Amino acid sequence: MIYELRIYEPVEGRTEALRDRLLNRAMPMMPDHRIEVVAAFTPTPDDGRVVYLCRFEDEDARAAAWAAFAADPRWKSLREETEVDGPLIKTMASTLMRSALPGAEKF
């Protein structure tokens, strides 16, 4: 198993729009493409970022899952609809990780 930590920083004034798109509208589509969201977070104190953790079988599965998601017409439509007034994302960072604890793959 590998894990991917994704951190999104919104464009100023677009925090709620980004959170709605990611948490309420995009994430429900992700399982259709074998993207397992393990958890999602907002930092404290709240600085507007959205942080979430995904799990994949391996790096090939991750690449295939994100490619399928990017090609999904529902995602393309959602992105277009939510960016009518401009982009929502200022920066996005992604870190791939493996568990360092024995037996932690179960969580």
PDB file of N, CA and C in Angstrom:
ATOM      1  N   MET A   1       0.834  -1.187   0.000  1.00  0.00           N
ATOM      2  CA  MET A   1       0.000   0.000   0.000  1.00  0.00           C
ATOM      3  C   MET A   1       0.876   1.247   0.000  1.00  0.00           C
ATOM      4  N   ILE A   2       0.381   2.257  -0.694  1.00  0.00           N
ATOM      5  CA  ILE A   2       0.997   3.571  -0.590  1.00  0.00           C
ATOM      6  C   ILE A   2      -0.095   4.575  -0.223  1.00  0.00           C
ATOM      7  N   TYR A   3       0.333   5.652   0.355  1.00  0.00           N
ATOM      8  CA  TYR A   3      -0.568   6.724   0.762  1.00  0.00           C
ATOM      9  C   TYR A   3      -0.144   7.998   0.055  1.00  0.00           C
ATOM     10  N   GLU A   4      -1.116   8.830  -0.233  1.00  0.00           N
ATOM     11  CA  GLU A   4      -0.834  10.123  -0.835  1.00  0.00           C
ATOM     12  C   GLU A   4      -1.485  11.193   0.027  1.00  0.00           C
ATOM     13  N   LEU A   5      -0.670  12.124   0.490  1.00  0.00           N
ATOM     14  CA  LEU A   5      -1.159  13.276   1.236  1.00  0.00           C
ATOM     15  C   LEU A   5      -1.268  14.427   0.245  1.00  0.00           C
ATOM     16  N   ARG A   6      -2.468  14.998   0.131  1.00  0.00           N
ATOM     17  CA  ARG A   6      -2.709  16.096  -0.798  1.00  0.00           C
ATOM     18  C   ARG A   6      -3.132  17.324  -0.002  1.00  0.00           C
ATOM     19  N   ILE A   7      -2.492  18.455  -0.279  1.00  0.00           N
ATOM     20  CA  ILE A   7      -2.769  19.698   0.437  1.00  0.00           C
ATOM     21  C   ILE A   7      -3.105  20.775  -0.592  1.00  0.00           C
ATOM     22  N   TYR A   8      -4.292  21.324  -0.452  1.00  0.00           N
ATOM     23  CA  TYR A   8      -4.781  22.357  -1.360  1.00  0.00           C
ATOM     24  C   TYR A   8      -4.893  23.680  -0.616  1.00  0.00           C
ATOM     25  N   GLU A   9      -4.312  24.726  -1.186  1.00  0.00           N
ATOM     26  CA  GLU A   9      -4.445  26.078  -0.657  1.00  0.00           C
ATOM     27  C   GLU A   9      -5.328  26.863  -1.622  1.00  0.00           C
ATOM     28  N   PRO A  10      -6.409  27.453  -1.118  1.00  0.00           N
ATOM     29  CA  PRO A  10      -7.328  28.153  -2.015  1.00  0.00           C
ATOM     30  C   PRO A  10      -6.820  29.532  -2.432  1.00  0.00           C
ATOM     31  N   VAL A  11      -7.308  29.968  -3.571  1.00  0.00           N
ATOM     32  CA  VAL A  11      -7.129  31.360  -3.971  1.00  0.00           C
ATOM     33  C   VAL A  11      -7.864  32.201  -2.931  1.00  0.00           C
ATOM     34  N   GLU A  12      -7.324  33.366  -2.612  1.00  0.00           N
ATOM     35  CA  GLU A  12      -7.956  34.229  -1.612  1.00  0.00           C
ATOM     36  C   GLU A  12      -9.429  34.468  -1.954  1.00  0.00           C
ATOM     37  N   GLY A  13     -10.270  34.293  -0.952  1.00  0.00           N
ATOM     38  CA  GLY A  13     -11.701  34.499  -1.120  1.00  0.00           C
ATOM     39  C   GLY A  13     -12.447  33.306  -1.691  1.00  0.00           C
ATOM     40  N   ARG A  14     -11.750  32.196  -1.960  1.00  0.00           N
ATOM     41  CA  ARG A  14     -12.388  31.034  -2.596  1.00  0.00           C
ATOM     42  C   ARG A  14     -12.392  29.791  -1.701  1.00  0.00           C
ATOM     43  N   THR A  15     -12.132  29.976  -0.411  1.00  0.00           N
ATOM     44  CA  THR A  15     -12.029  28.838   0.509  1.00  0.00           C
ATOM     45  C   THR A  15     -13.277  27.968   0.499  1.00  0.00           C
ATOM     46  N   GLU A  16     -14.433  28.561   0.704  1.00  0.00           N
ATOM     47  CA  GLU A  16     -15.664  27.761   0.788  1.00  0.00           C
ATOM     48  C   GLU A  16     -15.975  27.082  -0.534  1.00  0.00           C
ATOM     49  N   ALA A  17     -15.719  27.749  -1.643  1.00  0.00           N
ATOM     50  CA  ALA A  17     -15.965  27.138  -2.956  1.00  0.00           C
ATOM     51  C   ALA A  17     -15.053  25.938  -3.168  1.00  0.00           C
ATOM     52  N   LEU A  18     -13.776  26.062  -2.764  1.00  0.00           N
ATOM     53  CA  LEU A  18     -12.842  24.938  -2.914  1.00  0.00           C
ATOM     54  C   LEU A  18     -13.256  23.786  -2.021  1.00  0.00           C
ATOM     55  N   ARG A  19     -13.580  24.084  -0.781  1.00  0.00           N
ATOM     56  CA  ARG A  19     -13.992  23.013   0.142  1.00  0.00           C
ATOM     57  C   ARG A  19     -15.246  22.310  -0.345  1.00  0.00           C
ATOM     58  N   ASP A  20     -16.212  23.070  -0.832  1.00  0.00           N
ATOM     59  CA  ASP A  20     -17.424  22.443  -1.345  1.00  0.00           C
ATOM     60  C   ASP A  20     -17.096  21.533  -2.526  1.00  0.00           C
ATOM     61  N   ARG A  21     -16.274  22.030  -3.455  1.00  0.00           N
ATOM     62  CA  ARG A  21     -15.941  21.218  -4.632  1.00  0.00           C
ATOM     63  C   ARG A  21     -15.213  19.944  -4.236  1.00  0.00           C
ATOM     64  N   LEU A  22     -14.210  20.042  -3.388  1.00  0.00           N
ATOM     65  CA  LEU A  22     -13.438  18.859  -3.019  1.00  0.00           C
ATOM     66  C   LEU A  22     -14.213  17.911  -2.116  1.00  0.00           C
ATOM     67  N   LEU A  23     -14.710  18.439  -1.001  1.00  0.00           N
ATOM     68  CA  LEU A  23     -15.290  17.582   0.034  1.00  0.00           C
ATOM     69  C   LEU A  23     -16.682  17.066  -0.305  1.00  0.00           C
ATOM     70  N   ASN A  24     -17.499  17.888  -0.920  1.00  0.00           N
ATOM     71  CA  ASN A  24     -18.895  17.509  -1.145  1.00  0.00           C
ATOM     72  C   ASN A  24     -19.190  17.005  -2.551  1.00  0.00           C
ATOM     73  N   ARG A  25     -18.381  17.410  -3.513  1.00  0.00           N
ATOM     74  CA  ARG A  25     -18.742  17.089  -4.894  1.00  0.00           C
ATOM     75  C   ARG A  25     -17.718  16.194  -5.594  1.00  0.00           C
ATOM     76  N   ALA A  26     -16.426  16.429  -5.409  1.00  0.00           N
ATOM     77  CA  ALA A  26     -15.418  15.599  -6.080  1.00  0.00           C
ATOM     78  C   ALA A  26     -15.167  14.287  -5.336  1.00  0.00           C
ATOM     79  N   MET A  27     -15.047  14.357  -4.020  1.00  0.00           N
ATOM     80  CA  MET A  27     -14.735  13.134  -3.269  1.00  0.00           C
ATOM     81  C   MET A  27     -15.762  12.027  -3.453  1.00  0.00           C
ATOM     82  N   PRO A  28     -17.055  12.310  -3.567  1.00  0.00           N
ATOM     83  CA  PRO A  28     -17.986  11.214  -3.830  1.00  0.00           C
ATOM     84  C   PRO A  28     -17.746  10.499  -5.167  1.00  0.00           C
ATOM     85  N   MET A  29     -17.070  11.142  -6.107  1.00  0.00           N
ATOM     86  CA  MET A  29     -16.741  10.509  -7.390  1.00  0.00           C
ATOM     87  C   MET A  29     -15.489   9.626  -7.306  1.00  0.00           C
ATOM     88  N   MET A  30     -14.643   9.892  -6.342  1.00  0.00           N
ATOM     89  CA  MET A  30     -13.337   9.238  -6.293  1.00  0.00           C
ATOM     90  C   MET A  30     -13.391   7.717  -6.182  1.00  0.00           C
ATOM     91  N   PRO A  31     -14.274   7.130  -5.359  1.00  0.00           N
ATOM     92  CA  PRO A  31     -14.310   5.666  -5.300  1.00  0.00           C
ATOM     93  C   PRO A  31     -14.607   5.006  -6.656  1.00  0.00           C
ATOM     94  N   ASP A  32     -15.310   5.697  -7.533  1.00  0.00           N
ATOM     95  CA  ASP A  32     -15.586   5.160  -8.868  1.00  0.00           C
ATOM     96  C   ASP A  32     -14.299   4.929  -9.660  1.00  0.00           C
ATOM     97  N   HIS A  33     -13.211   5.587  -9.226  1.00  0.00           N
ATOM     98  CA  HIS A  33     -11.928   5.489  -9.930  1.00  0.00           C
ATOM     99  C   HIS A  33     -10.859   4.843  -9.061  1.00  0.00           C
ATOM    100  N   ARG A  34     -11.293   4.151  -8.015  1.00  0.00           N
ATOM    101  CA  ARG A  34     -10.413   3.414  -7.113  1.00  0.00           C
ATOM    102  C   ARG A  34      -9.491   4.340  -6.327  1.00  0.00           C
ATOM    103  N   ILE A  35     -10.015   5.517  -6.008  1.00  0.00           N
ATOM    104  CA  ILE A  35      -9.318   6.442  -5.120  1.00  0.00           C
ATOM    105  C   ILE A  35      -9.992   6.324  -3.764  1.00  0.00           C
ATOM    106  N   GLU A  36      -9.275   5.770  -2.799  1.00  0.00           N
ATOM    107  CA  GLU A  36      -9.816   5.595  -1.450  1.00  0.00           C
ATOM    108  C   GLU A  36      -9.357   6.755  -0.578  1.00  0.00           C
ATOM    109  N   VAL A  37     -10.291   7.607  -0.199  1.00  0.00           N
ATOM    110  CA  VAL A  37      -9.976   8.711   0.703  1.00  0.00           C
ATOM    111  C   VAL A  37     -10.074   8.168   2.123  1.00  0.00           C
ATOM    112  N   VAL A  38      -8.936   8.158   2.814  1.00  0.00           N
ATOM    113  CA  VAL A  38      -8.869   7.625   4.175  1.00  0.00           C
ATOM    114  C   VAL A  38      -9.379   8.648   5.179  1.00  0.00           C
ATOM    115  N   ALA A  39      -9.019   9.924   4.967  1.00  0.00           N
ATOM    116  CA  ALA A  39      -9.438  10.989   5.881  1.00  0.00           C
ATOM    117  C   ALA A  39      -9.258  12.332   5.199  1.00  0.00           C
ATOM    118  N   ALA A  40     -10.008  13.315   5.666  1.00  0.00           N
ATOM    119  CA  ALA A  40      -9.878  14.688   5.171  1.00  0.00           C
ATOM    120  C   ALA A  40      -9.846  15.611   6.381  1.00  0.00           C
ATOM    121  N   PHE A  41      -9.073  16.692   6.258  1.00  0.00           N
ATOM    122  CA  PHE A  41      -8.839  17.576   7.391  1.00  0.00           C
ATOM    123  C   PHE A  41      -8.870  19.040   6.974  1.00  0.00           C
ATOM    124  N   THR A  42      -9.120  19.901   7.946  1.00  0.00           N
ATOM    125  CA  THR A  42      -8.847  21.334   7.828  1.00  0.00           C
ATOM    126  C   THR A  42      -7.921  21.652   8.990  1.00  0.00           C
ATOM    127  N   PRO A  43      -6.863  22.420   8.744  1.00  0.00           N
ATOM    128  CA  PRO A  43      -5.895  22.715   9.797  1.00  0.00           C
ATOM    129  C   PRO A  43      -6.498  23.576  10.913  1.00  0.00           C
ATOM    130  N   THR A  44      -5.905  23.475  12.103  1.00  0.00           N
ATOM    131  CA  THR A  44      -6.245  24.374  13.194  1.00  0.00           C
ATOM    132  C   THR A  44      -4.977  25.093  13.604  1.00  0.00           C
ATOM    133  N   PRO A  45      -4.978  26.400  13.675  1.00  0.00           N
ATOM    134  CA  PRO A  45      -6.110  27.239  13.299  1.00  0.00           C
ATOM    135  C   PRO A  45      -6.392  27.136  11.809  1.00  0.00           C
ATOM    136  N   ASP A  46      -7.634  27.409  11.457  1.00  0.00           N
ATOM    137  CA  ASP A  46      -8.088  27.261  10.077  1.00  0.00           C
ATOM    138  C   ASP A  46      -7.457  28.332   9.189  1.00  0.00           C
ATOM    139  N   ASP A  47      -6.678  27.880   8.216  1.00  0.00           N
ATOM    140  CA  ASP A  47      -6.041  28.809   7.280  1.00  0.00           C
ATOM    141  C   ASP A  47      -6.600  28.665   5.867  1.00  0.00           C
ATOM    142  N   GLY A  48      -7.703  27.913   5.746  1.00  0.00           N
ATOM    143  CA  GLY A  48      -8.355  27.757   4.453  1.00  0.00           C
ATOM    144  C   GLY A  48      -7.958  26.511   3.686  1.00  0.00           C
ATOM    145  N   ARG A  49      -6.852  25.889   4.063  1.00  0.00           N
ATOM    146  CA  ARG A  49      -6.393  24.717   3.309  1.00  0.00           C
ATOM    147  C   ARG A  49      -7.311  23.512   3.524  1.00  0.00           C
ATOM    148  N   VAL A  50      -7.284  22.614   2.558  1.00  0.00           N
ATOM    149  CA  VAL A  50      -7.931  21.309   2.665  1.00  0.00           C
ATOM    150  C   VAL A  50      -6.826  20.273   2.526  1.00  0.00           C
ATOM    151  N   VAL A  51      -6.807  19.329   3.440  1.00  0.00           N
ATOM    152  CA  VAL A  51      -5.787  18.285   3.454  1.00  0.00           C
ATOM    153  C   VAL A  51      -6.516  16.948   3.458  1.00  0.00           C
ATOM    154  N   TYR A  52      -6.091  16.040   2.572  1.00  0.00           N
ATOM    155  CA  TYR A  52      -6.683  14.716   2.651  1.00  0.00           C
ATOM    156  C   TYR A  52      -5.676  13.636   2.313  1.00  0.00           C
ATOM    157  N   LEU A  53      -5.973  12.431   2.786  1.00  0.00           N
ATOM    158  CA  LEU A  53      -5.092  11.285   2.653  1.00  0.00           C
ATOM    159  C   LEU A  53      -5.811  10.199   1.862  1.00  0.00           C
ATOM    160  N   CYS A  54      -5.134   9.716   0.823  1.00  0.00           N
ATOM    161  CA  CYS A  54      -5.675   8.640  -0.022  1.00  0.00           C
ATOM    162  C   CYS A  54      -4.794   7.407   0.111  1.00  0.00           C
ATOM    163  N   ARG A  55      -5.392   6.243  -0.173  1.00  0.00           N
ATOM    164  CA  ARG A  55      -4.654   4.981  -0.129  1.00  0.00           C
ATOM    165  C   ARG A  55      -4.823   4.266  -1.463  1.00  0.00           C
ATOM    166  N   PHE A  56      -3.713   3.685  -1.949  1.00  0.00           N
ATOM    167  CA  PHE A  56      -3.699   2.955  -3.217  1.00  0.00           C
ATOM    168  C   PHE A  56      -2.881   1.671  -3.048  1.00  0.00           C
ATOM    169  N   GLU A  57      -3.145   0.698  -3.896  1.00  0.00           N
ATOM    170  CA  GLU A  57      -2.382  -0.559  -3.859  1.00  0.00           C
ATOM    171  C   GLU A  57      -0.899  -0.314  -4.109  1.00  0.00           C
ATOM    172  N   ASP A  58      -0.598   0.503  -5.114  1.00  0.00           N
ATOM    173  CA  ASP A  58       0.792   0.799  -5.457  1.00  0.00           C
ATOM    174  C   ASP A  58       0.822   2.052  -6.330  1.00  0.00           C
ATOM    175  N   GLU A  59       2.004   2.443  -6.773  1.00  0.00           N
ATOM    176  CA  GLU A  59       2.134   3.678  -7.547  1.00  0.00           C
ATOM    177  C   GLU A  59       1.457   3.579  -8.911  1.00  0.00           C
ATOM    178  N   ASP A  60       1.476   2.400  -9.530  1.00  0.00           N
ATOM    179  CA  ASP A  60       0.786   2.234 -10.815  1.00  0.00           C
ATOM    180  C   ASP A  60      -0.724   2.412 -10.652  1.00  0.00           C
ATOM    181  N   ALA A  61      -1.264   1.844  -9.573  1.00  0.00           N
ATOM    182  CA  ALA A  61      -2.702   1.988  -9.299  1.00  0.00           C
ATOM    183  C   ALA A  61      -3.049   3.454  -9.049  1.00  0.00           C
ATOM    184  N   ARG A  62      -2.180   4.159  -8.345  1.00  0.00           N
ATOM    185  CA  ARG A  62      -2.401   5.583  -8.093  1.00  0.00           C
ATOM    186  C   ARG A  62      -2.434   6.367  -9.397  1.00  0.00           C
ATOM    187  N   ALA A  63      -1.447   6.139 -10.251  1.00  0.00           N
ATOM    188  CA  ALA A  63      -1.381   6.860 -11.529  1.00  0.00           C
ATOM    189  C   ALA A  63      -2.613   6.572 -12.383  1.00  0.00           C
ATOM    190  N   ALA A  64      -3.029   5.317 -12.442  1.00  0.00           N
ATOM    191  CA  ALA A  64      -4.205   4.945 -13.237  1.00  0.00           C
ATOM    192  C   ALA A  64      -5.475   5.569 -12.662  1.00  0.00           C
ATOM    193  N   ALA A  65      -5.582   5.586 -11.345  1.00  0.00           N
ATOM    194  CA  ALA A  65      -6.775   6.141 -10.693  1.00  0.00           C
ATOM    195  C   ALA A  65      -6.910   7.635 -10.978  1.00  0.00           C
ATOM    196  N   TRP A  66      -5.817   8.382 -10.819  1.00  0.00           N
ATOM    197  CA  TRP A  66      -5.900   9.820 -11.061  1.00  0.00           C
ATOM    198  C   TRP A  66      -6.112  10.134 -12.537  1.00  0.00           C
ATOM    199  N   ALA A  67      -5.553   9.322 -13.425  1.00  0.00           N
ATOM    200  CA  ALA A  67      -5.779   9.532 -14.864  1.00  0.00           C
ATOM    201  C   ALA A  67      -7.256   9.312 -15.196  1.00  0.00           C
ATOM    202  N   ALA A  68      -7.844   8.263 -14.638  1.00  0.00           N
ATOM    203  CA  ALA A  68      -9.267   7.990 -14.879  1.00  0.00           C
ATOM    204  C   ALA A  68     -10.140   9.098 -14.301  1.00  0.00           C
ATOM    205  N   PHE A  69      -9.803   9.571 -13.116  1.00  0.00           N
ATOM    206  CA  PHE A  69     -10.570  10.659 -12.512  1.00  0.00           C
ATOM    207  C   PHE A  69     -10.500  11.916 -13.377  1.00  0.00           C
ATOM    208  N   ALA A  70      -9.304  12.263 -13.836  1.00  0.00           N
ATOM    209  CA  ALA A  70      -9.121  13.463 -14.662  1.00  0.00           C
ATOM    210  C   ALA A  70      -9.899  13.380 -15.974  1.00  0.00           C
ATOM    211  N   ALA A  71     -10.098  12.164 -16.479  1.00  0.00           N
ATOM    212  CA  ALA A  71     -10.814  11.968 -17.745  1.00  0.00           C
ATOM    213  C   ALA A  71     -12.331  11.874 -17.560  1.00  0.00           C
ATOM    214  N   ASP A  72     -12.796  11.774 -16.334  1.00  0.00           N
ATOM    215  CA  ASP A  72     -14.226  11.614 -16.053  1.00  0.00           C
ATOM    216  C   ASP A  72     -14.982  12.876 -16.485  1.00  0.00           C
ATOM    217  N   PRO A  73     -15.976  12.751 -17.343  1.00  0.00           N
ATOM    218  CA  PRO A  73     -16.743  13.915 -17.772  1.00  0.00           C
ATOM    219  C   PRO A  73     -17.428  14.655 -16.626  1.00  0.00           C
ATOM    220  N   ARG A  74     -17.791  13.920 -15.572  1.00  0.00           N
ATOM    221  CA  ARG A  74     -18.404  14.575 -14.404  1.00  0.00           C
ATOM    222  C   ARG A  74     -17.403  15.525 -13.738  1.00  0.00           C
ATOM    223  N   TRP A  75     -16.140  15.078 -13.620  1.00  0.00           N
ATOM    224  CA  TRP A  75     -15.112  15.930 -13.037  1.00  0.00           C
ATOM    225  C   TRP A  75     -14.846  17.135 -13.937  1.00  0.00           C
ATOM    226  N   LYS A  76     -14.728  16.899 -15.223  1.00  0.00           N
ATOM    227  CA  LYS A  76     -14.475  18.006 -16.149  1.00  0.00           C
ATOM    228  C   LYS A  76     -15.580  19.044 -16.061  1.00  0.00           C
ATOM    229  N   SER A  77     -16.812  18.605 -16.000  1.00  0.00           N
ATOM    230  CA  SER A  77     -17.953  19.505 -15.894  1.00  0.00           C
ATOM    231  C   SER A  77     -17.940  20.255 -14.565  1.00  0.00           C
ATOM    232  N   LEU A  78     -17.659  19.540 -13.476  1.00  0.00           N
ATOM    233  CA  LEU A  78     -17.596  20.156 -12.159  1.00  0.00           C
ATOM    234  C   LEU A  78     -16.504  21.211 -12.106  1.00  0.00           C
ATOM    235  N   ARG A  79     -15.346  20.887 -12.631  1.00  0.00           N
ATOM    236  CA  ARG A  79     -14.246  21.848 -12.619  1.00  0.00           C
ATOM    237  C   ARG A  79     -14.609  23.099 -13.420  1.00  0.00           C
ATOM    238  N   GLU A  80     -15.167  22.882 -14.594  1.00  0.00           N
ATOM    239  CA  GLU A  80     -15.563  24.021 -15.435  1.00  0.00           C
ATOM    240  C   GLU A  80     -16.610  24.887 -14.714  1.00  0.00           C
ATOM    241  N   GLU A  81     -17.601  24.249 -14.144  1.00  0.00           N
ATOM    242  CA  GLU A  81     -18.677  24.954 -13.440  1.00  0.00           C
ATOM    243  C   GLU A  81     -18.155  25.766 -12.259  1.00  0.00           C
ATOM    244  N   THR A  82     -17.224  25.184 -11.491  1.00  0.00           N
ATOM    245  CA  THR A  82     -16.755  25.849 -10.276  1.00  0.00           C
ATOM    246  C   THR A  82     -15.645  26.867 -10.531  1.00  0.00           C
ATOM    247  N   GLU A  83     -15.145  26.919 -11.762  1.00  0.00           N
ATOM    248  CA  GLU A  83     -14.094  27.884 -12.073  1.00  0.00           C
ATOM    249  C   GLU A  83     -14.564  28.968 -13.047  1.00  0.00           C
ATOM    250  N   VAL A  84     -15.871  29.144 -13.159  1.00  0.00           N
ATOM    251  CA  VAL A  84     -16.427  30.194 -14.017  1.00  0.00           C
ATOM    252  C   VAL A  84     -15.856  31.557 -13.621  1.00  0.00           C
ATOM    253  N   ASP A  85     -15.709  31.783 -12.318  1.00  0.00           N
ATOM    254  CA  ASP A  85     -15.193  33.060 -11.816  1.00  0.00           C
ATOM    255  C   ASP A  85     -13.688  33.035 -11.571  1.00  0.00           C
ATOM    256  N   GLY A  86     -13.015  32.020 -12.076  1.00  0.00           N
ATOM    257  CA  GLY A  86     -11.567  31.907 -11.907  1.00  0.00           C
ATOM    258  C   GLY A  86     -11.198  30.669 -11.115  1.00  0.00           C
ATOM    259  N   PRO A  87      -9.899  30.375 -11.072  1.00  0.00           N
ATOM    260  CA  PRO A  87      -9.438  29.168 -10.381  1.00  0.00           C
ATOM    261  C   PRO A  87      -9.729  29.207  -8.884  1.00  0.00           C
ATOM    262  N   LEU A  88      -9.848  28.026  -8.296  1.00  0.00           N
ATOM    263  CA  LEU A  88     -10.059  27.895  -6.860  1.00  0.00           C
ATOM    264  C   LEU A  88      -8.764  27.592  -6.116  1.00  0.00           C
ATOM    265  N   ILE A  89      -7.787  27.004  -6.813  1.00  0.00           N
ATOM    266  CA  ILE A  89      -6.580  26.496  -6.162  1.00  0.00           C
ATOM    267  C   ILE A  89      -5.397  27.420  -6.415  1.00  0.00           C
ATOM    268  N   LYS A  90      -4.812  27.888  -5.304  1.00  0.00           N
ATOM    269  CA  LYS A  90      -3.595  28.694  -5.385  1.00  0.00           C
ATOM    270  C   LYS A  90      -2.385  27.772  -5.514  1.00  0.00           C
ATOM    271  N   THR A  91      -2.302  26.784  -4.619  1.00  0.00           N
ATOM    272  CA  THR A  91      -1.229  25.787  -4.682  1.00  0.00           C
ATOM    273  C   THR A  91      -1.785  24.432  -4.293  1.00  0.00           C
ATOM    274  N   MET A  92      -1.127  23.389  -4.796  1.00  0.00           N
ATOM    275  CA  MET A  92      -1.460  22.017  -4.442  1.00  0.00           C
ATOM    276  C   MET A  92      -0.152  21.269  -4.271  1.00  0.00           C
ATOM    277  N   ALA A  93      -0.033  20.544  -3.166  1.00  0.00           N
ATOM    278  CA  ALA A  93       1.153  19.733  -2.909  1.00  0.00           C
ATOM    279  C   ALA A  93       0.716  18.292  -2.687  1.00  0.00           C
ATOM    280  N   SER A  94       1.536  17.372  -3.181  1.00  0.00           N
ATOM    281  CA  SER A  94       1.248  15.953  -3.042  1.00  0.00           C
ATOM    282  C   SER A  94       2.514  15.248  -2.563  1.00  0.00           C
ATOM    283  N   THR A  95       2.347  14.395  -1.541  1.00  0.00           N
ATOM    284  CA  THR A  95       3.463  13.623  -1.010  1.00  0.00           C
ATOM    285  C   THR A  95       3.049  12.160  -0.968  1.00  0.00           C
ATOM    286  N   LEU A  96       3.858  11.283  -1.572  1.00  0.00           N
ATOM    287  CA  LEU A  96       3.618   9.843  -1.513  1.00  0.00           C
ATOM    288  C   LEU A  96       4.371   9.272  -0.326  1.00  0.00           C
ATOM    289  N   MET A  97       3.720   8.317   0.382  1.00  0.00           N
ATOM    290  CA  MET A  97       4.296   7.754   1.599  1.00  0.00           C
ATOM    291  C   MET A  97       3.995   6.265   1.689  1.00  0.00           C
ATOM    292  N   ARG A  98       4.828   5.582   2.446  1.00  0.00           N
ATOM    293  CA  ARG A  98       4.584   4.190   2.835  1.00  0.00           C
ATOM    294  C   ARG A  98       4.535   4.151   4.356  1.00  0.00           C
ATOM    295  N   SER A  99       3.781   3.207   4.894  1.00  0.00           N
ATOM    296  CA  SER A  99       3.686   3.085   6.347  1.00  0.00           C
ATOM    297  C   SER A  99       5.042   2.704   6.925  1.00  0.00           C
ATOM    298  N   ALA A 100       5.404   3.341   8.020  1.00  0.00           N
ATOM    299  CA  ALA A 100       6.657   3.044   8.710  1.00  0.00           C
ATOM    300  C   ALA A 100       6.426   2.143   9.930  1.00  0.00           C
ATOM    301  N   LEU A 101       5.162   1.834  10.225  1.00  0.00           N
ATOM    302  CA  LEU A 101       4.839   1.018  11.397  1.00  0.00           C
ATOM    303  C   LEU A 101       4.357  -0.361  10.982  1.00  0.00           C
ATOM    304  N   PRO A 102       4.878  -1.415  11.595  1.00  0.00           N
ATOM    305  CA  PRO A 102       4.394  -2.768  11.283  1.00  0.00           C
ATOM    306  C   PRO A 102       2.907  -2.875  11.584  1.00  0.00           C
ATOM    307  N   GLY A 103       2.142  -3.455  10.666  1.00  0.00           N
ATOM    308  CA  GLY A 103       0.723  -3.683  10.868  1.00  0.00           C
ATOM    309  C   GLY A 103      -0.154  -2.457  10.620  1.00  0.00           C
ATOM    310  N   ALA A 104       0.439  -1.330  10.318  1.00  0.00           N
ATOM    311  CA  ALA A 104      -0.344  -0.092  10.142  1.00  0.00           C
ATOM    312  C   ALA A 104      -1.138  -0.081   8.849  1.00  0.00           C
ATOM    313  N   GLU A 105      -0.895  -1.004   7.959  1.00  0.00           N
ATOM    314  CA  GLU A 105      -1.629  -1.051   6.695  1.00  0.00           C
ATOM    315  C   GLU A 105      -3.117  -1.302   6.928  1.00  0.00           C
ATOM    316  N   LYS A 106      -3.497  -1.743   8.107  1.00  0.00           N
ATOM    317  CA  LYS A 106      -4.891  -2.056   8.411  1.00  0.00           C
ATOM    318  C   LYS A 106      -5.751  -0.818   8.632  1.00  0.00           C
ATOM    319  N   PHE A 107      -5.127   0.334   8.916  1.00  0.00           N
ATOM    320  CA  PHE A 107      -5.945   1.497   9.269  1.00  0.00           C
ATOM    321  C   PHE A 107      -6.558   2.163   8.072  1.00  0.00           C
TER     322      PHE A 107
END
